[in-house]
Amino acid sequence: MAKSDVIEIALVLYPGAQMSAVLGMTDLFELANRTAGRKSHDTPPPRLRVSHWQSAQQGHVPTRVFDTHAGEPGFPEVYIVPPALGDPISPEEAALVAGWLRERHGRGGVLASVCAGAFVLGETGLLAGRVVTTNWVYDEAFRARFPKAKLDTDRLLIDDGDIITAGSLMAWTDLGLKLVDRFLGPTVMVETARVLALDPPGREQRYYSAFAPRLSHGDAAILKVQHWLQASEGKDLNLATLAALAGLEERTFLRRFQKATGLTTTEYGQRLRVGKARELLQFTTQSVDKVAWDVGYGDPGSFRKIFMRIVGLTPSDYRARFRA
């Protein structure tokens, strides 16, 4: 097989990398190779070469420590930073790998990350101005560390051509299938997904993520209002009431609330109500109209539009997918 028919995908083993994801992706790509071989009846299909890269000792750039095509020359076309177990990697730990990835990107390599692996990519400096995702639980920490990146944790996978980011801990399956689609085609991707009983790429992280309000902003007056809104499930958004709770003039309150939380009071209340609605849809048999009423919406049609905008599914579709 010609060298151009082999696409190498490198999995980067950095401190704390989740080995189950590394091994899972290795198996997924091998299954895709076998599927492509069965589907091809004329010319041999491209093959995915999978390698693992790790620093042999501190201060050394990563080298191949595993290779499905051992001994063959060539450079990877894609470098995947897998998810981590525990807290995201520190800037100091990430520095060497990040510099190496930046150099490989400059030579034409595609960079990809899963979940907390995005923190390694962030240290390359290449995410500034890019729309990226990571696990929604890291939203605040990622924004604080990489303020120039355009973070969208509603999305499970963002393919920006030369940089691909995937959100949740298990989104390595979505990333793997996305790359199979790119290099081996949609037919092989769909068949690989079917054999592994996986949803093909197209899910969104917001289907699964709960609203996690910013609480560590340091504005005690706004935090008091947030606690009150949480207790009342966002049903009372009267501006005068909220400003009085904060002890602030209304315009000052609105400005400080949005600065602290990243949301307007209306948006904040909507997310609290939708969060309660998700719970009711999942764990009760109440009709959608009754759920809308219980979370504070007198107009079920308005509730459905807001739910769809925030969650990405209709209330009925959400119930069908997640009902306990």
Protein backbone atom coordinates (compact mmCIF):
# COMPACT_ATOMS: atom_id res chain seq x y z
CA MET A 1 0.00 0.00 0.00
CA ALA A 2 1.35 3.43 -0.90
CA LYS A 3 2.41 5.73 1.91
CA SER A 4 -0.26 8.26 0.87
CA ASP A 5 -2.91 5.60 1.54
CA VAL A 6 -1.97 5.44 5.22
CA ILE A 7 -3.25 8.18 7.55
CA GLU A 8 -1.51 8.25 10.91
CA ILE A 9 -3.45 9.36 13.99
CA ALA A 10 -1.33 10.10 17.06
CA LEU A 11 -2.74 9.75 20.59
CA VAL A 12 -0.78 11.94 23.01
CA LEU A 13 -0.16 10.44 26.46
CA TYR A 14 0.38 13.39 28.80
CA PRO A 15 0.39 13.30 32.63
CA GLY A 16 -3.08 12.20 33.82
CA ALA A 17 -4.35 11.11 30.38
CA GLN A 18 -7.25 8.66 30.56
CA MET A 19 -5.91 5.37 29.21
CA SER A 20 -9.36 3.86 28.68
CA ALA A 21 -10.03 6.60 26.09
CA VAL A 22 -6.64 6.02 24.44
CA LEU A 23 -7.25 2.28 24.14
CA GLY A 24 -10.88 2.80 23.14
CA MET A 25 -9.93 5.08 20.25
CA THR A 26 -7.20 2.65 19.19
CA ASP A 27 -9.79 -0.12 18.96
CA LEU A 28 -12.35 2.13 17.24
CA PHE A 29 -9.91 3.03 14.46
CA GLU A 30 -8.89 -0.61 14.00
CA LEU A 31 -12.55 -1.62 13.74
CA ALA A 32 -13.02 1.12 11.14
CA ASN A 33 -10.09 -0.30 9.15
CA ARG A 34 -11.67 -3.75 9.16
CA THR A 35 -15.02 -2.29 8.16
CA ALA A 36 -13.44 -0.35 5.30
CA GLY A 37 -11.73 -3.53 4.09
CA ARG A 38 -15.04 -5.39 3.97
CA LYS A 39 -16.79 -2.52 2.20
CA SER A 40 -14.16 -2.17 -0.54
CA HIS A 41 -14.44 -4.43 -3.57
CA ASP A 42 -12.18 -2.66 -6.07
CA THR A 43 -9.22 -0.53 -4.95
CA PRO A 44 -7.80 -0.99 -1.44
CA PRO A 45 -9.18 1.67 0.92
CA PRO A 46 -6.97 4.04 2.95
CA ARG A 47 -5.89 2.67 6.30
CA LEU A 48 -5.66 4.39 9.65
CA ARG A 49 -2.32 4.03 11.40
CA VAL A 50 -2.59 4.60 15.15
CA SER A 51 0.38 5.57 17.29
CA HIS A 52 0.78 6.54 20.94
CA TRP A 53 3.25 9.31 21.82
CA GLN A 54 4.75 9.92 25.26
CA SER A 55 7.79 11.64 26.76
CA ALA A 56 10.37 9.01 27.70
CA GLN A 57 11.55 11.21 30.55
CA GLN A 58 10.91 14.67 31.93
CA GLY A 59 12.09 17.44 29.63
CA HIS A 60 12.01 15.31 26.46
CA VAL A 61 9.53 15.76 23.62
CA PRO A 62 7.09 12.88 23.03
CA THR A 63 8.14 9.91 20.90
CA ARG A 64 6.24 6.88 19.60
CA VAL A 65 5.74 4.24 22.29
CA PHE A 66 3.16 2.22 20.33
CA ASP A 67 2.51 1.96 16.60
CA THR A 68 0.18 -0.23 14.56
CA HIS A 69 2.61 0.20 11.63
CA ALA A 70 5.85 -0.13 13.61
CA GLY A 71 9.00 0.75 11.73
CA GLU A 72 7.34 2.56 8.85
CA PRO A 73 8.40 6.16 8.16
CA GLY A 74 6.04 9.13 8.21
CA PHE A 75 4.45 11.78 10.39
CA PRO A 76 0.98 11.79 11.96
CA GLU A 77 -1.69 13.84 10.25
CA VAL A 78 -3.79 14.16 13.42
CA TYR A 79 -2.71 14.59 17.06
CA ILE A 80 -5.38 13.79 19.66
CA VAL A 81 -5.10 14.96 23.27
CA PRO A 82 -7.37 12.57 25.23
CA PRO A 83 -9.39 13.40 28.34
CA ALA A 84 -7.79 13.46 31.78
CA LEU A 85 -8.56 11.79 35.06
CA GLY A 86 -8.73 14.37 37.81
CA ASP A 87 -8.12 18.10 37.48
CA PRO A 88 -7.01 19.66 34.18
CA ILE A 89 -3.27 19.69 33.58
CA SER A 90 -1.34 22.68 34.95
CA PRO A 91 0.34 25.18 32.62
CA GLU A 92 3.74 23.99 33.83
CA GLU A 93 3.03 20.32 33.12
CA ALA A 94 1.51 21.13 29.73
CA ALA A 95 4.30 23.41 28.50
CA LEU A 96 6.54 20.85 26.77
CA VAL A 97 3.73 18.92 25.09
CA ALA A 98 2.01 22.17 24.09
CA GLY A 99 5.17 23.46 22.43
CA TRP A 100 5.60 20.19 20.55
CA LEU A 101 1.96 20.26 19.39
CA ARG A 102 2.32 23.87 18.25
CA GLU A 103 5.34 22.88 16.15
CA ARG A 104 3.47 19.91 14.64
CA HIS A 105 0.49 22.12 13.84
CA GLY A 106 2.85 24.50 12.06
CA ARG A 107 3.92 21.58 9.86
CA GLY A 108 0.33 20.87 8.84
CA GLY A 109 -0.87 18.57 11.60
CA VAL A 110 -4.50 18.62 12.75
CA LEU A 111 -4.88 19.05 16.53
CA ALA A 112 -7.79 17.54 18.45
CA SER A 113 -8.79 17.30 22.10
CA VAL A 114 -11.38 15.57 24.25
CA CYS A 115 -12.81 17.01 27.48
CA ALA A 116 -10.01 18.36 29.73
CA GLY A 117 -7.52 17.71 26.92
CA ALA A 118 -8.60 21.13 25.66
CA PHE A 119 -6.47 22.66 28.43
CA VAL A 120 -3.37 21.20 26.76
CA LEU A 121 -4.44 22.67 23.41
CA GLY A 122 -5.13 25.99 25.13
CA GLU A 123 -1.51 26.17 26.27
CA THR A 124 -0.37 26.05 22.62
CA GLY A 125 -1.83 29.55 22.15
CA LEU A 126 -3.63 28.33 19.03
CA LEU A 127 -7.16 28.57 20.45
CA ALA A 128 -7.25 32.38 20.60
CA GLY A 129 -10.20 33.54 18.50
CA ARG A 130 -11.29 29.94 17.84
CA VAL A 131 -14.70 28.51 18.72
CA VAL A 132 -13.95 25.46 20.89
CA THR A 133 -15.61 23.21 23.43
CA THR A 134 -14.70 21.21 26.52
CA ASN A 135 -16.69 19.50 29.24
CA TRP A 136 -19.30 21.91 30.58
CA VAL A 137 -18.06 21.35 34.16
CA TYR A 138 -14.82 23.12 33.17
CA ASP A 139 -16.59 26.11 31.62
CA GLU A 140 -15.58 28.71 34.19
CA ALA A 141 -12.03 27.41 34.68
CA PHE A 142 -11.37 27.28 30.94
CA ARG A 143 -12.69 30.81 30.35
CA ALA A 144 -10.53 32.15 33.15
CA ARG A 145 -7.40 30.44 31.83
CA PHE A 146 -7.95 31.05 28.10
CA PRO A 147 -10.08 34.21 27.81
CA LYS A 148 -9.28 34.71 24.12
CA ALA A 149 -10.83 31.38 23.10
CA LYS A 150 -14.53 31.41 22.14
CA LEU A 151 -15.89 28.65 24.35
CA ASP A 152 -19.24 27.00 23.55
CA THR A 153 -19.93 24.15 25.95
CA ASP A 154 -23.41 23.60 24.52
CA ARG A 155 -21.75 21.80 21.62
CA LEU A 156 -20.34 18.31 21.94
CA LEU A 157 -17.95 18.50 18.99
CA ILE A 158 -16.59 21.46 17.02
CA ASP A 159 -14.70 20.70 13.81
CA ASP A 160 -12.73 23.79 12.77
CA GLY A 161 -10.71 21.96 10.14
CA ASP A 162 -7.22 22.05 11.62
CA ILE A 163 -8.44 22.09 15.23
CA ILE A 164 -11.19 19.77 16.51
CA THR A 165 -12.48 19.85 20.09
CA ALA A 166 -14.87 17.42 21.76
CA GLY A 167 -16.66 18.12 25.02
CA SER A 168 -17.55 15.37 27.45
CA LEU A 169 -15.42 12.60 28.95
CA MET A 170 -16.89 10.02 26.55
CA ALA A 171 -16.91 12.31 23.51
CA TRP A 172 -13.83 10.48 22.24
CA THR A 173 -16.37 8.23 20.51
CA ASP A 174 -17.79 11.22 18.63
CA LEU A 175 -14.32 12.48 17.74
CA GLY A 176 -13.25 9.03 16.59
CA LEU A 177 -16.29 8.66 14.34
CA LYS A 178 -15.79 12.19 12.98
CA LEU A 179 -12.24 11.25 11.90
CA VAL A 180 -13.42 7.96 10.41
CA ASP A 181 -15.95 9.96 8.39
CA ARG A 182 -13.23 12.38 7.27
CA PHE A 183 -10.69 9.76 6.17
CA LEU A 184 -12.71 6.62 5.34
CA GLY A 185 -16.08 8.09 4.40
CA PRO A 186 -19.62 8.19 5.82
CA THR A 187 -20.52 4.60 4.94
CA VAL A 188 -17.65 3.21 7.01
CA MET A 189 -18.39 5.68 9.81
CA VAL A 190 -22.06 4.68 10.07
CA GLU A 191 -21.24 0.98 10.01
CA THR A 192 -18.55 1.43 12.68
CA ALA A 193 -21.04 3.35 14.85
CA ARG A 194 -23.65 0.63 14.34
CA VAL A 195 -21.31 -2.18 15.40
CA LEU A 196 -20.30 -0.23 18.53
CA ALA A 197 -23.94 0.78 19.25
CA LEU A 198 -22.96 4.47 19.17
CA ASP A 199 -24.89 7.50 17.98
CA PRO A 200 -23.22 8.94 14.88
CA PRO A 201 -21.80 12.47 15.33
CA GLY A 202 -24.51 15.11 15.61
CA ARG A 203 -25.42 14.98 19.29
CA GLU A 204 -25.01 18.13 21.33
CA GLN A 205 -23.52 18.42 24.81
CA ARG A 206 -26.40 20.61 25.93
CA TYR A 207 -28.67 17.52 25.72
CA TYR A 208 -26.85 16.26 28.80
CA SER A 209 -25.39 19.22 30.68
CA ALA A 210 -27.09 20.74 33.70
CA PHE A 211 -27.07 24.48 34.32
CA ALA A 212 -23.98 25.28 36.38
CA PRO A 213 -24.19 28.95 37.41
CA ARG A 214 -21.05 30.95 38.10
CA LEU A 215 -20.79 31.33 41.87
CA SER A 216 -17.13 32.16 42.46
CA HIS A 217 -17.21 35.68 41.00
CA GLY A 218 -16.77 37.39 44.36
CA ASP A 219 -19.79 39.74 44.17
CA ALA A 220 -21.61 39.04 47.44
CA ALA A 221 -24.71 41.08 46.50
CA ILE A 222 -25.23 39.13 43.27
CA LEU A 223 -24.50 35.82 44.98
CA LYS A 224 -27.31 36.56 47.46
CA VAL A 225 -29.74 37.03 44.56
CA GLN A 226 -28.50 33.85 42.87
CA HIS A 227 -29.20 31.85 46.02
CA TRP A 228 -32.69 33.35 46.21
CA LEU A 229 -33.38 32.58 42.54
CA GLN A 230 -32.21 29.00 43.04
CA ALA A 231 -34.56 28.54 45.99
CA SER A 232 -37.51 30.02 44.05
CA GLU A 233 -36.59 28.08 40.86
CA GLY A 234 -36.39 31.31 38.88
CA LYS A 235 -40.14 31.96 38.96
CA ASP A 236 -39.95 35.56 40.19
CA LEU A 237 -37.74 37.75 37.97
CA ASN A 238 -39.22 41.09 38.94
CA LEU A 239 -36.42 43.59 38.56
CA ALA A 240 -37.43 45.73 41.54
CA THR A 241 -37.52 42.66 43.80
CA LEU A 242 -34.11 41.42 42.66
CA ALA A 243 -32.46 44.84 42.93
CA ALA A 244 -33.89 45.30 46.41
CA LEU A 245 -32.51 41.90 47.47
CA ALA A 246 -29.08 42.97 46.22
CA GLY A 247 -29.38 46.42 47.81
CA LEU A 248 -28.54 48.07 44.51
CA GLU A 249 -30.06 50.57 42.11
CA GLU A 250 -31.75 48.70 39.24
CA ARG A 251 -29.36 49.71 36.45
CA THR A 252 -26.35 48.97 38.63
CA PHE A 253 -27.84 45.61 39.59
CA LEU A 254 -28.42 44.58 35.95
CA ARG A 255 -24.88 45.52 34.98
CA ARG A 256 -23.29 43.70 37.90
CA PHE A 257 -25.52 40.63 37.51
CA GLN A 258 -24.53 40.14 33.87
CA LYS A 259 -20.85 40.77 34.61
CA ALA A 260 -20.87 38.21 37.44
CA THR A 261 -22.97 35.47 35.83
CA GLY A 262 -22.48 36.03 32.11
CA LEU A 263 -26.28 36.08 31.70
CA THR A 264 -29.15 38.53 31.94
CA THR A 265 -31.64 37.91 34.73
CA THR A 266 -34.15 36.66 32.14
CA GLU A 267 -31.67 34.17 30.67
CA TYR A 268 -30.66 33.04 34.15
CA GLY A 269 -34.25 32.44 35.18
CA GLN A 270 -34.97 30.56 31.96
CA ARG A 271 -32.12 28.16 32.62
CA LEU A 272 -33.32 27.52 36.17
CA ARG A 273 -36.86 26.84 34.95
CA VAL A 274 -35.70 24.60 32.11
CA GLY A 275 -33.49 22.70 34.55
CA LYS A 276 -36.54 21.95 36.71
CA ALA A 277 -38.55 21.05 33.60
CA ARG A 278 -35.90 18.53 32.55
CA GLU A 279 -36.22 16.85 35.94
CA LEU A 280 -40.02 16.68 35.67
CA LEU A 281 -39.90 15.34 32.12
CA GLN A 282 -37.43 12.67 33.11
CA PHE A 283 -38.93 11.48 36.38
CA THR A 284 -42.70 12.14 36.15
CA THR A 285 -45.50 11.35 33.72
CA GLN A 286 -46.93 14.88 33.72
CA SER A 287 -47.94 16.26 30.34
CA VAL A 288 -45.66 18.82 28.72
CA ASP A 289 -48.31 21.51 29.28
CA LYS A 290 -48.50 20.62 32.99
CA VAL A 291 -44.68 20.72 33.26
CA ALA A 292 -44.69 24.15 31.61
CA TRP A 293 -47.23 25.41 34.13
CA ASP A 294 -45.37 23.92 37.11
CA VAL A 295 -42.09 25.65 36.21
CA GLY A 296 -43.73 29.03 35.75
CA TYR A 297 -44.80 29.27 32.10
CA GLY A 298 -48.44 30.14 31.46
CA ASP A 299 -47.95 29.71 27.72
CA PRO A 300 -46.88 26.12 26.81
CA GLY A 301 -45.93 27.27 23.31
CA SER A 302 -43.46 29.79 24.72
CA PHE A 303 -42.08 27.12 27.06
CA ARG A 304 -41.50 24.73 24.15
CA LYS A 305 -39.56 27.38 22.18
CA ILE A 306 -37.37 28.29 25.15
CA PHE A 307 -36.76 24.62 26.03
CA MET A 308 -35.74 23.86 22.44
CA ARG A 309 -33.40 26.85 22.29
CA ILE A 310 -31.61 25.95 25.53
CA VAL A 311 -31.58 22.14 25.37
CA GLY A 312 -31.57 21.54 21.62
CA LEU A 313 -34.46 19.05 21.83
CA THR A 314 -38.21 19.50 22.13
CA PRO A 315 -39.64 18.58 25.56
CA SER A 316 -41.20 15.44 24.05
CA ASP A 317 -37.96 14.38 22.38
CA TYR A 318 -36.05 15.02 25.60
CA ARG A 319 -38.48 12.82 27.54
CA ALA A 320 -38.23 10.05 24.94
CA ARG A 321 -34.43 10.05 25.14
CA PHE A 322 -33.89 10.45 28.90
CA ARG A 323 -37.00 9.23 30.71
CA ALA A 324 -36.06 7.18 33.78
